[in-house]
Amino acid sequence: MAEKKSKEKKQEKPAADKKQQPAALPKDYKPRLINTYQQEVVPQLKKRFAYKNVMQVPKLEKIVLNFGVGDATENAKSVDVALEEMTKIAGQKPVIRRAKKAISNFKLRAGMPIGCSVTLRSWTMYEFLDRLISVAIPRVRDFRGLPIKFDGRGNYNLSVKEQIVFPEIDYDKVEKVRGMNITIVTTAKT
């Protein structure tokens, strides 16, 4: 009897090594920015910098989104609201960031939740970057361009002052307007 149950459990598990796509997408689907990168950007970079191999061309590794929730010390539900908003924006569940040590001036104890962050890779990274460039940034009020904030190692940091620029966030349900930090990590050396 126990052998039958163990065989049934083994058969129910899907293969973990296969990359699963969302059910609504066709099998040959690629995000728009991946196609643009492969067909237009890579050949231009190879020509401009005289790269001999495609693997020398810089590419995106990950995008890290960070929400700081300063009022979490007074209102515990604000972290839950921030988690929900970050989930809608990023498309995956964020991780709660906790204070490492106590700071009495901020009424902060070690281990208290102070924000949330999420790391995007692969297709979700490209989909988020596409939405950021083509939808969210044009919705910023008084937009004057993006600042040059490269860190010398090919990583780019930018901040969005309002989470309501993303179409996933319903303006009427927002309790407090919060900013977020977006870090784009690349393989570029400079």
C-alpha atoms as a PDB file:
ATOM      1  CA  MET A   1       0.000   0.000   0.000  1.00  0.00           C
ATOM      2  CA  ALA A   2       2.798   2.402   0.922  1.00  0.00           C
ATOM      3  CA  GLU A   3       4.591   1.571  -2.340  1.00  0.00           C
ATOM      4  CA  LYS A   4       1.555   2.619  -4.412  1.00  0.00           C
ATOM      5  CA  LYS A   5       1.338   5.994  -2.645  1.00  0.00           C
ATOM      6  CA  SER A   6       5.027   6.721  -3.186  1.00  0.00           C
ATOM      7  CA  LYS A   7       4.724   5.815  -6.902  1.00  0.00           C
ATOM      8  CA  GLU A   8       1.689   8.083  -7.256  1.00  0.00           C
ATOM      9  CA  LYS A   9       3.542  10.981  -5.627  1.00  0.00           C
ATOM     10  CA  LYS A  10       6.513  10.525  -7.959  1.00  0.00           C
ATOM     11  CA  GLN A  11       4.264  10.609 -11.005  1.00  0.00           C
ATOM     12  CA  GLU A  12       2.453  13.790  -9.898  1.00  0.00           C
ATOM     13  CA  LYS A  13       5.582  15.968  -9.697  1.00  0.00           C
ATOM     14  CA  PRO A  14       6.409  17.871 -12.907  1.00  0.00           C
ATOM     15  CA  ALA A  15       9.952  17.841 -14.215  1.00  0.00           C
ATOM     16  CA  ALA A  16      11.897  20.533 -12.345  1.00  0.00           C
ATOM     17  CA  ASP A  17      14.562  20.990 -15.022  1.00  0.00           C
ATOM     18  CA  LYS A  18      12.101  22.221 -17.666  1.00  0.00           C
ATOM     19  CA  LYS A  19      11.541  25.980 -17.681  1.00  0.00           C
ATOM     20  CA  GLN A  20       7.831  26.593 -17.330  1.00  0.00           C
ATOM     21  CA  GLN A  21       6.236  29.497 -19.165  1.00  0.00           C
ATOM     22  CA  PRO A  22       2.944  31.130 -18.275  1.00  0.00           C
ATOM     23  CA  ALA A  23       0.041  29.211 -19.796  1.00  0.00           C
ATOM     24  CA  ALA A  24      -1.250  32.097 -21.936  1.00  0.00           C
ATOM     25  CA  LEU A  25       1.997  32.618 -23.877  1.00  0.00           C
ATOM     26  CA  PRO A  26       2.916  30.676 -27.022  1.00  0.00           C
ATOM     27  CA  LYS A  27       5.985  28.426 -26.882  1.00  0.00           C
ATOM     28  CA  ASP A  28       8.054  30.595 -29.233  1.00  0.00           C
ATOM     29  CA  TYR A  29       7.333  33.824 -27.308  1.00  0.00           C
ATOM     30  CA  LYS A  30      10.205  36.201 -26.551  1.00  0.00           C
ATOM     31  CA  PRO A  31       9.917  39.586 -24.870  1.00  0.00           C
ATOM     32  CA  ARG A  32      10.206  42.517 -27.250  1.00  0.00           C
ATOM     33  CA  LEU A  33      13.421  43.853 -25.689  1.00  0.00           C
ATOM     34  CA  ILE A  34      15.223  40.512 -26.093  1.00  0.00           C
ATOM     35  CA  ASN A  35      14.554  40.586 -29.836  1.00  0.00           C
ATOM     36  CA  THR A  36      15.671  44.227 -30.067  1.00  0.00           C
ATOM     37  CA  TYR A  37      18.821  43.454 -28.084  1.00  0.00           C
ATOM     38  CA  GLN A  38      19.765  40.406 -30.149  1.00  0.00           C
ATOM     39  CA  GLN A  39      18.947  41.810 -33.588  1.00  0.00           C
ATOM     40  CA  GLU A  40      19.920  45.487 -33.284  1.00  0.00           C
ATOM     41  CA  VAL A  41      21.992  46.250 -30.180  1.00  0.00           C
ATOM     42  CA  VAL A  42      24.463  43.342 -30.257  1.00  0.00           C
ATOM     43  CA  PRO A  43      25.583  43.913 -33.891  1.00  0.00           C
ATOM     44  CA  GLN A  44      26.042  47.647 -33.264  1.00  0.00           C
ATOM     45  CA  LEU A  45      28.064  47.067 -30.080  1.00  0.00           C
ATOM     46  CA  LYS A  46      30.223  44.444 -31.803  1.00  0.00           C
ATOM     47  CA  LYS A  47      30.958  46.887 -34.605  1.00  0.00           C
ATOM     48  CA  ARG A  48      31.552  49.936 -32.382  1.00  0.00           C
ATOM     49  CA  PHE A  49      33.795  48.295 -29.766  1.00  0.00           C
ATOM     50  CA  ALA A  50      35.349  45.645 -32.065  1.00  0.00           C
ATOM     51  CA  TYR A  51      34.176  42.691 -30.005  1.00  0.00           C
ATOM     52  CA  LYS A  52      35.220  39.417 -31.621  1.00  0.00           C
ATOM     53  CA  ASN A  53      32.809  37.229 -29.704  1.00  0.00           C
ATOM     54  CA  VAL A  54      29.119  37.692 -28.889  1.00  0.00           C
ATOM     55  CA  MET A  55      29.833  36.768 -25.271  1.00  0.00           C
ATOM     56  CA  GLN A  56      31.982  39.911 -24.872  1.00  0.00           C
ATOM     57  CA  VAL A  57      28.983  42.158 -25.497  1.00  0.00           C
ATOM     58  CA  PRO A  58      27.502  43.524 -22.236  1.00  0.00           C
ATOM     59  CA  LYS A  59      24.052  42.281 -21.293  1.00  0.00           C
ATOM     60  CA  LEU A  60      21.546  42.649 -18.485  1.00  0.00           C
ATOM     61  CA  GLU A  61      22.011  40.325 -15.512  1.00  0.00           C
ATOM     62  CA  LYS A  62      19.244  41.411 -13.160  1.00  0.00           C
ATOM     63  CA  ILE A  63      17.048  44.279 -12.033  1.00  0.00           C
ATOM     64  CA  VAL A  64      16.586  44.905  -8.317  1.00  0.00           C
ATOM     65  CA  LEU A  65      13.567  46.884  -7.099  1.00  0.00           C
ATOM     66  CA  ASN A  66      13.623  48.298  -3.576  1.00  0.00           C
ATOM     67  CA  PHE A  67      10.763  49.896  -1.637  1.00  0.00           C
ATOM     68  CA  GLY A  68      11.616  51.672   1.605  1.00  0.00           C
ATOM     69  CA  VAL A  69       8.712  51.805   4.056  1.00  0.00           C
ATOM     70  CA  GLY A  70       9.646  54.446   6.610  1.00  0.00           C
ATOM     71  CA  ASP A  71       6.311  54.456   8.425  1.00  0.00           C
ATOM     72  CA  ALA A  72       6.489  50.717   9.113  1.00  0.00           C
ATOM     73  CA  THR A  73       7.554  51.416  12.702  1.00  0.00           C
ATOM     74  CA  GLU A  74       4.228  53.142  13.399  1.00  0.00           C
ATOM     75  CA  ASN A  75       1.897  51.242  11.074  1.00  0.00           C
ATOM     76  CA  ALA A  76       2.529  47.512  10.609  1.00  0.00           C
ATOM     77  CA  LYS A  77       0.020  47.250   7.755  1.00  0.00           C
ATOM     78  CA  SER A  78       2.045  49.631   5.583  1.00  0.00           C
ATOM     79  CA  VAL A  79       4.551  46.839   4.877  1.00  0.00           C
ATOM     80  CA  ASP A  80       1.730  44.568   3.701  1.00  0.00           C
ATOM     81  CA  VAL A  81       0.429  47.309   1.400  1.00  0.00           C
ATOM     82  CA  ALA A  82       3.943  47.870   0.040  1.00  0.00           C
ATOM     83  CA  LEU A  83       4.334  44.119  -0.564  1.00  0.00           C
ATOM     84  CA  GLU A  84       1.063  44.018  -2.476  1.00  0.00           C
ATOM     85  CA  GLU A  85       2.015  47.025  -4.616  1.00  0.00           C
ATOM     86  CA  MET A  86       5.493  45.646  -5.321  1.00  0.00           C
ATOM     87  CA  THR A  87       3.970  42.299  -6.336  1.00  0.00           C
ATOM     88  CA  LYS A  88       1.723  44.066  -8.835  1.00  0.00           C
ATOM     89  CA  ILE A  89       4.578  46.142 -10.249  1.00  0.00           C
ATOM     90  CA  ALA A  90       7.222  43.412 -10.473  1.00  0.00           C
ATOM     91  CA  GLY A  91       5.076  40.390 -11.242  1.00  0.00           C
ATOM     92  CA  GLN A  92       6.649  38.283  -8.510  1.00  0.00           C
ATOM     93  CA  LYS A  93       6.549  38.198  -4.724  1.00  0.00           C
ATOM     94  CA  PRO A  94       9.051  40.487  -2.951  1.00  0.00           C
ATOM     95  CA  VAL A  95      11.116  39.760   0.141  1.00  0.00           C
ATOM     96  CA  ILE A  96      10.640  41.748   3.345  1.00  0.00           C
ATOM     97  CA  ARG A  97      13.790  43.608   4.414  1.00  0.00           C
ATOM     98  CA  ARG A  98      14.352  43.901   8.150  1.00  0.00           C
ATOM     99  CA  ALA A  99      16.477  46.258  10.251  1.00  0.00           C
ATOM    100  CA  LYS A 100      19.892  44.855  11.132  1.00  0.00           C
ATOM    101  CA  LYS A 101      20.341  46.870  14.293  1.00  0.00           C
ATOM    102  CA  ALA A 102      18.304  49.103  16.574  1.00  0.00           C
ATOM    103  CA  ILE A 103      18.315  52.890  16.130  1.00  0.00           C
ATOM    104  CA  SER A 104      16.541  54.667  18.972  1.00  0.00           C
ATOM    105  CA  ASN A 105      16.186  58.024  17.173  1.00  0.00           C
ATOM    106  CA  PHE A 106      14.059  56.360  14.492  1.00  0.00           C
ATOM    107  CA  LYS A 107      12.176  54.186  17.011  1.00  0.00           C
ATOM    108  CA  LEU A 108      13.581  51.165  15.229  1.00  0.00           C
ATOM    109  CA  ARG A 109      14.392  47.802  16.760  1.00  0.00           C
ATOM    110  CA  ALA A 110      16.492  45.050  15.240  1.00  0.00           C
ATOM    111  CA  GLY A 111      14.401  42.711  13.119  1.00  0.00           C
ATOM    112  CA  MET A 112      11.588  45.179  12.385  1.00  0.00           C
ATOM    113  CA  PRO A 113      10.387  45.262   8.762  1.00  0.00           C
ATOM    114  CA  ILE A 114      11.568  48.451   7.017  1.00  0.00           C
ATOM    115  CA  GLY A 115      10.983  47.718   3.340  1.00  0.00           C
ATOM    116  CA  CYS A 116      10.798  45.122   0.614  1.00  0.00           C
ATOM    117  CA  SER A 117      12.809  44.233  -2.457  1.00  0.00           C
ATOM    118  CA  VAL A 118      12.592  41.909  -5.416  1.00  0.00           C
ATOM    119  CA  THR A 119      15.188  40.683  -7.910  1.00  0.00           C
ATOM    120  CA  LEU A 120      14.032  40.176 -11.479  1.00  0.00           C
ATOM    121  CA  ARG A 121      15.881  37.949 -13.915  1.00  0.00           C
ATOM    122  CA  SER A 122      15.271  36.426 -17.325  1.00  0.00           C
ATOM    123  CA  TRP A 123      11.942  37.221 -19.019  1.00  0.00           C
ATOM    124  CA  THR A 124      10.358  39.043 -16.113  1.00  0.00           C
ATOM    125  CA  MET A 125      13.354  41.390 -16.100  1.00  0.00           C
ATOM    126  CA  TYR A 126      12.949  42.236 -19.788  1.00  0.00           C
ATOM    127  CA  GLU A 127       9.175  42.597 -19.485  1.00  0.00           C
ATOM    128  CA  PHE A 128       9.560  44.944 -16.506  1.00  0.00           C
ATOM    129  CA  LEU A 129      12.217  47.031 -18.276  1.00  0.00           C
ATOM    130  CA  ASP A 130       9.982  47.314 -21.335  1.00  0.00           C
ATOM    131  CA  ARG A 131       7.057  48.511 -19.180  1.00  0.00           C
ATOM    132  CA  LEU A 132       9.350  50.908 -17.311  1.00  0.00           C
ATOM    133  CA  ILE A 133      10.742  52.500 -20.484  1.00  0.00           C
ATOM    134  CA  SER A 134       7.629  52.605 -22.626  1.00  0.00           C
ATOM    135  CA  VAL A 135       4.833  53.109 -20.065  1.00  0.00           C
ATOM    136  CA  ALA A 136       5.957  54.186 -16.579  1.00  0.00           C
ATOM    137  CA  ILE A 137       8.676  56.765 -17.260  1.00  0.00           C
ATOM    138  CA  PRO A 138       6.579  58.706 -19.813  1.00  0.00           C
ATOM    139  CA  ARG A 139       3.853  59.006 -17.129  1.00  0.00           C
ATOM    140  CA  VAL A 140       6.203  60.821 -14.709  1.00  0.00           C
ATOM    141  CA  ARG A 141       5.084  64.413 -14.151  1.00  0.00           C
ATOM    142  CA  ASP A 142       7.598  67.112 -15.172  1.00  0.00           C
ATOM    143  CA  PHE A 143       9.909  64.514 -16.693  1.00  0.00           C
ATOM    144  CA  ARG A 144      13.285  66.032 -17.591  1.00  0.00           C
ATOM    145  CA  GLY A 145      15.204  62.953 -18.621  1.00  0.00           C
ATOM    146  CA  LEU A 146      17.025  60.261 -16.694  1.00  0.00           C
ATOM    147  CA  PRO A 147      20.126  61.198 -14.699  1.00  0.00           C
ATOM    148  CA  ILE A 148      23.467  59.593 -15.465  1.00  0.00           C
ATOM    149  CA  LYS A 149      24.055  57.442 -12.393  1.00  0.00           C
ATOM    150  CA  PHE A 150      26.372  54.679 -13.553  1.00  0.00           C
ATOM    151  CA  ASP A 151      28.617  53.402 -10.780  1.00  0.00           C
ATOM    152  CA  GLY A 152      31.751  52.770 -12.871  1.00  0.00           C
ATOM    153  CA  ARG A 153      31.101  49.029 -13.118  1.00  0.00           C
ATOM    154  CA  GLY A 154      28.273  49.209 -15.642  1.00  0.00           C
ATOM    155  CA  ASN A 155      25.391  49.253 -13.158  1.00  0.00           C
ATOM    156  CA  TYR A 156      22.666  51.893 -13.373  1.00  0.00           C
ATOM    157  CA  ASN A 157      20.543  53.275 -10.538  1.00  0.00           C
ATOM    158  CA  LEU A 158      17.401  55.321 -10.892  1.00  0.00           C
ATOM    159  CA  SER A 159      14.586  56.232  -8.602  1.00  0.00           C
ATOM    160  CA  VAL A 160      10.894  56.652  -9.210  1.00  0.00           C
ATOM    161  CA  LYS A 161       9.328  59.125  -6.793  1.00  0.00           C
ATOM    162  CA  GLU A 162       5.787  57.774  -7.138  1.00  0.00           C
ATOM    163  CA  GLN A 163       4.647  54.186  -7.511  1.00  0.00           C
ATOM    164  CA  ILE A 164       1.482  55.416  -9.224  1.00  0.00           C
ATOM    165  CA  VAL A 165       3.323  55.881 -12.549  1.00  0.00           C
ATOM    166  CA  PHE A 166       2.972  52.133 -13.071  1.00  0.00           C
ATOM    167  CA  PRO A 167      -0.382  51.223 -14.655  1.00  0.00           C
ATOM    168  CA  GLU A 168      -0.745  48.178 -12.377  1.00  0.00           C
ATOM    169  CA  ILE A 169      -1.298  50.432  -9.355  1.00  0.00           C
ATOM    170  CA  ASP A 170      -4.815  51.800  -8.933  1.00  0.00           C
ATOM    171  CA  TYR A 171      -4.528  55.472  -7.979  1.00  0.00           C
ATOM    172  CA  ASP A 172      -7.722  55.441  -5.902  1.00  0.00           C
ATOM    173  CA  LYS A 173      -6.526  52.586  -3.666  1.00  0.00           C
ATOM    174  CA  VAL A 174      -3.118  54.102  -2.835  1.00  0.00           C
ATOM    175  CA  GLU A 175      -2.870  55.091   0.836  1.00  0.00           C
ATOM    176  CA  LYS A 176       0.518  56.769   0.619  1.00  0.00           C
ATOM    177  CA  VAL A 177       2.680  57.698  -2.352  1.00  0.00           C
ATOM    178  CA  ARG A 178       6.059  55.996  -2.018  1.00  0.00           C
ATOM    179  CA  GLY A 179       9.216  56.099  -4.067  1.00  0.00           C
ATOM    180  CA  MET A 180      11.264  53.144  -5.171  1.00  0.00           C
ATOM    181  CA  ASN A 181      14.849  52.499  -6.198  1.00  0.00           C
ATOM    182  CA  ILE A 182      15.596  50.539  -9.365  1.00  0.00           C
ATOM    183  CA  THR A 183      19.051  49.045  -9.899  1.00  0.00           C
ATOM    184  CA  ILE A 184      19.915  47.634 -13.323  1.00  0.00           C
ATOM    185  CA  VAL A 185      22.908  45.288 -13.129  1.00  0.00           C
ATOM    186  CA  THR A 186      24.838  44.559 -16.331  1.00  0.00           C
ATOM    187  CA  THR A 187      27.934  42.585 -17.292  1.00  0.00           C
ATOM    188  CA  ALA A 188      29.674  45.727 -18.589  1.00  0.00           C
ATOM    189  CA  LYS A 189      33.066  46.430 -17.057  1.00  0.00           C
ATOM    190  CA  THR A 190      32.868  50.249 -17.250  1.00  0.00           C
END
